C-alpha atoms as a PDB file:
ATOM      1  CA  UNK A   1       2.901  11.692  27.336  1.00  0.00           C
ATOM      2  CA  UNK A   2       5.940   9.781  28.402  1.00  0.00           C
ATOM      3  CA  UNK A   3       9.274   9.760  26.613  1.00  0.00           C
ATOM      4  CA  UNK A   4       8.601   6.292  25.252  1.00  0.00           C
ATOM      5  CA  UNK A   5       5.308   7.434  23.777  1.00  0.00           C
ATOM      6  CA  UNK A   6       6.913  10.448  22.178  1.00  0.00           C
ATOM      7  CA  UNK A   7       9.621   8.333  20.608  1.00  0.00           C
ATOM      8  CA  UNK A   8       7.026   5.797  19.387  1.00  0.00           C
ATOM      9  CA  UNK A   9       4.881   8.558  17.848  1.00  0.00           C
ATOM     10  CA  UNK A  10       7.932  10.058  16.116  1.00  0.00           C
ATOM     11  CA  UNK A  11       8.855   6.644  14.694  1.00  0.00           C
ATOM     12  CA  UNK A  12       5.265   6.012  13.531  1.00  0.00           C
ATOM     13  CA  UNK A  13       5.077   9.397  11.817  1.00  0.00           C
ATOM     14  CA  UNK A  14       8.355   8.861  10.055  1.00  0.00           C
ATOM     15  CA  UNK A  15       7.328   5.420   8.794  1.00  0.00           C
ATOM     16  CA  UNK A  16       3.943   6.888   7.675  1.00  0.00           C
ATOM     17  CA  UNK A  17       5.677   9.714   5.772  1.00  0.00           C
ATOM     18  CA  UNK A  18       8.089   7.214   4.141  1.00  0.00           C
ATOM     19  CA  UNK A  19       5.115   4.981   3.179  1.00  0.00           C
ATOM     20  CA  UNK A  20       3.192   7.896   1.687  1.00  0.00           C
ATOM     21  CA  UNK A  21       6.295   9.113  -0.164  1.00  0.00           C
ATOM     22  CA  UNK A  22       6.823   5.686  -1.711  1.00  0.00           C
ATOM     23  CA  UNK A  23       3.118   5.285  -2.542  1.00  0.00           C
ATOM     24  CA  UNK A  24       2.842   8.695  -4.232  1.00  0.00           C
ATOM     25  CA  UNK A  25       6.204   8.561  -5.980  1.00  0.00           C
ATOM     26  CA  UNK A  26       5.527   5.101  -7.268  1.00  0.00           C
ATOM     27  CA  UNK A  27       8.605   3.569  -5.682  1.00  0.00           C
ATOM     28  CA  UNK A  28       9.538  -0.054  -5.479  1.00  0.00           C
ATOM     29  CA  UNK A  29       6.833  -2.404  -4.212  1.00  0.00           C
ATOM     30  CA  UNK A  30       9.506  -4.113  -2.135  1.00  0.00           C
ATOM     31  CA  UNK A  31      10.332  -0.911  -0.316  1.00  0.00           C
ATOM     32  CA  UNK A  32       6.663  -0.253   0.205  1.00  0.00           C
ATOM     33  CA  UNK A  33       6.055  -3.701   1.750  1.00  0.00           C
ATOM     34  CA  UNK A  34       9.193  -3.510   3.875  1.00  0.00           C
ATOM     35  CA  UNK A  35       8.212  -0.070   5.216  1.00  0.00           C
ATOM     36  CA  UNK A  36       4.731  -1.376   6.015  1.00  0.00           C
ATOM     37  CA  UNK A  37       6.192  -4.391   7.781  1.00  0.00           C
ATOM     38  CA  UNK A  38       8.544  -2.267   9.881  1.00  0.00           C
ATOM     39  CA  UNK A  39       5.674   0.127  10.711  1.00  0.00           C
ATOM     40  CA  UNK A  40       3.474  -2.708  11.904  1.00  0.00           C
ATOM     41  CA  UNK A  41       6.228  -4.224  13.980  1.00  0.00           C
ATOM     42  CA  UNK A  42       6.954  -0.938  15.683  1.00  0.00           C
ATOM     43  CA  UNK A  43       3.195  -0.490  16.307  1.00  0.00           C
ATOM     44  CA  UNK A  44       3.012  -3.967  17.839  1.00  0.00           C
ATOM     45  CA  UNK A  45       5.996  -3.374  20.100  1.00  0.00           C
ATOM     46  CA  UNK A  46       4.628  -0.026  21.252  1.00  0.00           C
ATOM     47  CA  UNK A  47       1.170  -1.480  21.977  1.00  0.00           C
ATOM     48  CA  UNK A  48       2.638  -4.386  23.922  1.00  0.00           C
ATOM     49  CA  UNK A  49       4.828  -2.057  25.996  1.00  0.00           C
ATOM     50  CA  UNK A  50       2.082   0.463  26.623  1.00  0.00           C
ATOM     51  CA  UNK A  51      -0.485  -2.145  27.476  1.00  0.00           C
ATOM     52  CA  UNK A  52       1.901  -3.875  29.835  1.00  0.00           C
ATOM     53  CA  UNK A  53       3.242  -0.799  31.599  1.00  0.00           C
ATOM     54  CA  UNK A  54       0.731   2.059  31.231  1.00  0.00           C
ATOM     55  CA  UNK A  55      -2.751   1.241  29.883  1.00  0.00           C
ATOM     56  CA  UNK A  56      -3.425  -2.303  30.955  1.00  0.00           C
ATOM     57  CA  UNK A  57      -4.767  -4.968  28.685  1.00  0.00           C
ATOM     58  CA  UNK A  58      -8.237  -3.984  27.493  1.00  0.00           C
ATOM     59  CA  UNK A  59     -10.296  -4.390  24.314  1.00  0.00           C
ATOM     60  CA  UNK A  60      -8.530  -1.521  22.530  1.00  0.00           C
ATOM     61  CA  UNK A  61      -5.106  -2.899  23.203  1.00  0.00           C
ATOM     62  CA  UNK A  62      -6.071  -6.245  21.725  1.00  0.00           C
ATOM     63  CA  UNK A  63      -7.657  -4.577  18.684  1.00  0.00           C
ATOM     64  CA  UNK A  64      -4.538  -2.487  18.107  1.00  0.00           C
ATOM     65  CA  UNK A  65      -2.273  -5.519  18.449  1.00  0.00           C
ATOM     66  CA  UNK A  66      -4.430  -7.512  16.067  1.00  0.00           C
ATOM     67  CA  UNK A  67      -4.291  -4.664  13.563  1.00  0.00           C
ATOM     68  CA  UNK A  68      -0.508  -4.592  13.771  1.00  0.00           C
ATOM     69  CA  UNK A  69      -0.298  -8.391  13.366  1.00  0.00           C
ATOM     70  CA  UNK A  70      -2.634  -8.456  10.362  1.00  0.00           C
ATOM     71  CA  UNK A  71      -0.780  -5.596   8.698  1.00  0.00           C
ATOM     72  CA  UNK A  72       2.532  -7.378   9.219  1.00  0.00           C
ATOM     73  CA  UNK A  73       1.191 -10.637   7.829  1.00  0.00           C
ATOM     74  CA  UNK A  74      -0.285  -8.862   4.761  1.00  0.00           C
ATOM     75  CA  UNK A  75       2.988  -7.117   4.027  1.00  0.00           C
ATOM     76  CA  UNK A  76       4.920 -10.379   4.395  1.00  0.00           C
ATOM     77  CA  UNK A  77       2.393 -12.065   2.096  1.00  0.00           C
ATOM     78  CA  UNK A  78       2.907  -9.229  -0.407  1.00  0.00           C
ATOM     79  CA  UNK A  79       6.654  -9.671  -0.241  1.00  0.00           C
ATOM     80  CA  UNK A  80       6.280 -13.380  -0.777  1.00  0.00           C
ATOM     81  CA  UNK A  81       4.063 -12.849  -3.833  1.00  0.00           C
ATOM     82  CA  UNK A  82       6.522 -10.297  -5.209  1.00  0.00           C
ATOM     83  CA  UNK A  83       9.339 -12.824  -4.779  1.00  0.00           C
ATOM     84  CA  UNK A  84       7.345 -15.382  -6.711  1.00  0.00           C
ATOM     85  CA  UNK A  85       6.672 -12.930  -9.520  1.00  0.00           C
ATOM     86  CA  UNK A  86      10.234 -11.644  -9.815  1.00  0.00           C
ATOM     87  CA  UNK A  87      12.161 -14.823  -9.104  1.00  0.00           C
ATOM     88  CA  UNK A  88      14.614 -15.333  -6.263  1.00  0.00           C
ATOM     89  CA  UNK A  89      17.644 -13.848  -8.051  1.00  0.00           C
ATOM     90  CA  UNK A  90      15.964 -10.624  -9.082  1.00  0.00           C
ATOM     91  CA  UNK A  91      14.254 -10.273  -5.677  1.00  0.00           C
ATOM     92  CA  UNK A  92      17.541 -10.455  -3.762  1.00  0.00           C
ATOM     93  CA  UNK A  93      19.310  -7.908  -5.940  1.00  0.00           C
ATOM     94  CA  UNK A  94      17.804  -4.823  -4.247  1.00  0.00           C
ATOM     95  CA  UNK A  95      18.033  -6.231  -0.739  1.00  0.00           C
END
């Protein structure tokens, strides 16, 4: 495992722990969606780097990249819906 892989795994684990903490504690939906969006972006960057430098582009790299993209789009859609429900002024207070 290279240093980049170790750092990526550490970041993924930290985002996963934060996501689980927010989900179990019942934290803000906004924090939950933002954590999920950041997790999916870091997964996408790691997959692109690893596929370009180490693995090569194969079926599994494309599936992982599509999973990251779909997760990011769903979290952005969730944030958009939350903004519509709360209103723009209330939505921007916590950010």
